[in-house]
C-alpha atoms as a PDB file:
ATOM      1  CA  MET A   1      60.625 169.762 108.572  1.00  0.00           C
ATOM      2  CA  ALA A   2      64.303 168.971 108.584  1.00  0.00           C
ATOM      3  CA  VAL A   3      66.233 170.383 111.427  1.00  0.00           C
ATOM      4  CA  ARG A   4      69.852 170.740 112.257  1.00  0.00           C
ATOM      5  CA  PHE A   5      71.668 171.658 115.449  1.00  0.00           C
ATOM      6  CA  ALA A   6      72.856 175.188 115.770  1.00  0.00           C
ATOM      7  CA  LYS A   7      76.571 175.628 115.047  1.00  0.00           C
ATOM      8  CA  ASP A   8      77.535 176.061 118.657  1.00  0.00           C
ATOM      9  CA  VAL A   9      75.785 172.891 119.768  1.00  0.00           C
ATOM     10  CA  SER A  10      77.815 169.735 120.416  1.00  0.00           C
ATOM     11  CA  THR A  11      76.182 166.320 120.793  1.00  0.00           C
ATOM     12  CA  ALA A  12      77.326 163.071 122.395  1.00  0.00           C
ATOM     13  CA  LYS A  13      75.461 159.767 122.466  1.00  0.00           C
ATOM     14  CA  THR A  14      75.190 158.110 125.896  1.00  0.00           C
ATOM     15  CA  ASP A  15      73.883 154.810 127.124  1.00  0.00           C
ATOM     16  CA  TYR A  16      70.652 156.629 128.040  1.00  0.00           C
ATOM     17  CA  GLY A  17      70.205 158.954 125.002  1.00  0.00           C
ATOM     18  CA  THR A  18      71.934 162.082 123.874  1.00  0.00           C
ATOM     19  CA  VAL A  19      73.580 164.972 125.611  1.00  0.00           C
ATOM     20  CA  LEU A  20      73.542 168.413 123.968  1.00  0.00           C
ATOM     21  CA  LEU A  21      76.034 171.161 125.016  1.00  0.00           C
ATOM     22  CA  ASP A  22      75.272 174.750 124.151  1.00  0.00           C
ATOM     23  CA  GLN A  23      78.845 176.025 123.853  1.00  0.00           C
ATOM     24  CA  ARG A  24      77.611 179.620 124.015  1.00  0.00           C
ATOM     25  CA  SER A  25      76.086 179.310 127.516  1.00  0.00           C
ATOM     26  CA  GLY A  26      77.737 176.149 128.770  1.00  0.00           C
ATOM     27  CA  GLN A  27      74.305 174.648 129.442  1.00  0.00           C
ATOM     28  CA  TYR A  28      73.773 170.919 129.043  1.00  0.00           C
ATOM     29  CA  TRP A  29      70.618 169.217 127.905  1.00  0.00           C
ATOM     30  CA  GLU A  30      69.971 165.487 128.187  1.00  0.00           C
ATOM     31  CA  LEU A  31      67.604 163.836 125.781  1.00  0.00           C
ATOM     32  CA  ASN A  32      66.106 160.547 126.840  1.00  0.00           C
ATOM     33  CA  PRO A  33      65.729 157.705 124.255  1.00  0.00           C
ATOM     34  CA  THR A  34      62.413 159.259 123.083  1.00  0.00           C
ATOM     35  CA  GLY A  35      63.922 162.678 122.550  1.00  0.00           C
ATOM     36  CA  THR A  36      66.897 161.155 120.827  1.00  0.00           C
ATOM     37  CA  LEU A  37      64.594 159.303 118.378  1.00  0.00           C
ATOM     38  CA  VAL A  38      62.608 162.439 117.680  1.00  0.00           C
ATOM     39  CA  VAL A  39      65.658 164.576 117.024  1.00  0.00           C
ATOM     40  CA  GLN A  40      67.349 161.912 114.852  1.00  0.00           C
ATOM     41  CA  THR A  41      64.136 161.434 112.828  1.00  0.00           C
ATOM     42  CA  LEU A  42      64.046 165.208 112.106  1.00  0.00           C
ATOM     43  CA  MET A  43      67.727 165.437 111.392  1.00  0.00           C
ATOM     44  CA  ASP A  44      67.379 162.593 108.942  1.00  0.00           C
ATOM     45  CA  GLY A  45      64.908 164.705 106.948  1.00  0.00           C
ATOM     46  CA  GLY A  46      61.705 163.486 108.411  1.00  0.00           C
ATOM     47  CA  GLY A  47      58.876 165.756 109.542  1.00  0.00           C
ATOM     48  CA  GLU A  48      57.126 166.091 112.798  1.00  0.00           C
ATOM     49  CA  THR A  49      54.567 163.462 111.680  1.00  0.00           C
ATOM     50  CA  ASP A  50      57.403 161.050 110.946  1.00  0.00           C
ATOM     51  CA  ALA A  51      58.790 161.664 114.471  1.00  0.00           C
ATOM     52  CA  VAL A  52      55.326 161.003 116.007  1.00  0.00           C
ATOM     53  CA  ASP A  53      55.044 157.744 113.908  1.00  0.00           C
ATOM     54  CA  ALA A  54      58.555 156.667 115.152  1.00  0.00           C
ATOM     55  CA  VAL A  55      57.647 157.309 118.736  1.00  0.00           C
ATOM     56  CA  VAL A  56      54.305 155.438 118.512  1.00  0.00           C
ATOM     57  CA  VAL A  57      56.052 152.365 116.983  1.00  0.00           C
ATOM     58  CA  GLU A  58      59.172 152.343 119.132  1.00  0.00           C
ATOM     59  CA  PHE A  59      57.547 153.098 122.548  1.00  0.00           C
ATOM     60  CA  ALA A  60      53.906 151.888 122.157  1.00  0.00           C
ATOM     61  CA  VAL A  61      52.579 155.340 123.079  1.00  0.00           C
ATOM     62  CA  ASP A  62      49.153 156.511 121.867  1.00  0.00           C
ATOM     63  CA  ARG A  63      49.227 158.968 118.993  1.00  0.00           C
ATOM     64  CA  PRO A  64      47.754 162.048 120.731  1.00  0.00           C
ATOM     65  CA  ARG A  65      50.335 161.756 123.587  1.00  0.00           C
ATOM     66  CA  ALA A  66      53.177 161.224 121.133  1.00  0.00           C
ATOM     67  CA  ALA A  67      52.150 164.231 119.041  1.00  0.00           C
ATOM     68  CA  GLN A  68      51.929 166.432 122.137  1.00  0.00           C
ATOM     69  CA  ASP A  69      55.363 165.280 123.329  1.00  0.00           C
ATOM     70  CA  VAL A  70      57.066 165.655 120.008  1.00  0.00           C
ATOM     71  CA  SER A  71      55.659 169.145 119.491  1.00  0.00           C
ATOM     72  CA  ALA A  72      56.695 170.216 122.938  1.00  0.00           C
ATOM     73  CA  LEU A  73      60.231 168.973 122.486  1.00  0.00           C
ATOM     74  CA  ILE A  74      60.675 170.648 119.148  1.00  0.00           C
ATOM     75  CA  GLU A  75      59.399 173.922 120.656  1.00  0.00           C
ATOM     76  CA  GLN A  76      61.696 173.694 123.666  1.00  0.00           C
ATOM     77  CA  LEU A  77      64.782 173.048 121.506  1.00  0.00           C
ATOM     78  CA  ARG A  78      63.798 175.838 119.137  1.00  0.00           C
ATOM     79  CA  GLN A  79      63.252 178.326 121.985  1.00  0.00           C
ATOM     80  CA  ALA A  80      66.621 177.414 123.547  1.00  0.00           C
ATOM     81  CA  GLY A  81      68.339 178.064 120.218  1.00  0.00           C
ATOM     82  CA  LEU A  82      69.681 174.498 120.031  1.00  0.00           C
ATOM     83  CA  VAL A  83      68.075 173.642 116.635  1.00  0.00           C
ATOM     84  CA  VAL A  84      67.567 175.480 113.435  1.00  0.00           C
ATOM     85  CA  LEU A  85      64.429 174.700 111.445  1.00  0.00           C
END
């Protein structure tokens, strides 16, 4: 499942992760390093399973927890209109 940011979403890398700005509403979202890794994996053409794998390797999290967190993040970004699937 490749994703891309909606056309009105700006991104900026920070020392702690990534900041997203929804230019339509002026609302900011801050992704921690885990969220940044998930979004980058998906934007690079990976699927949800690839994002889970990346989180498990990078952060030594168990697979069920990583899968739950990845799924929740994708759903939150989708519902907010920040990403296009």
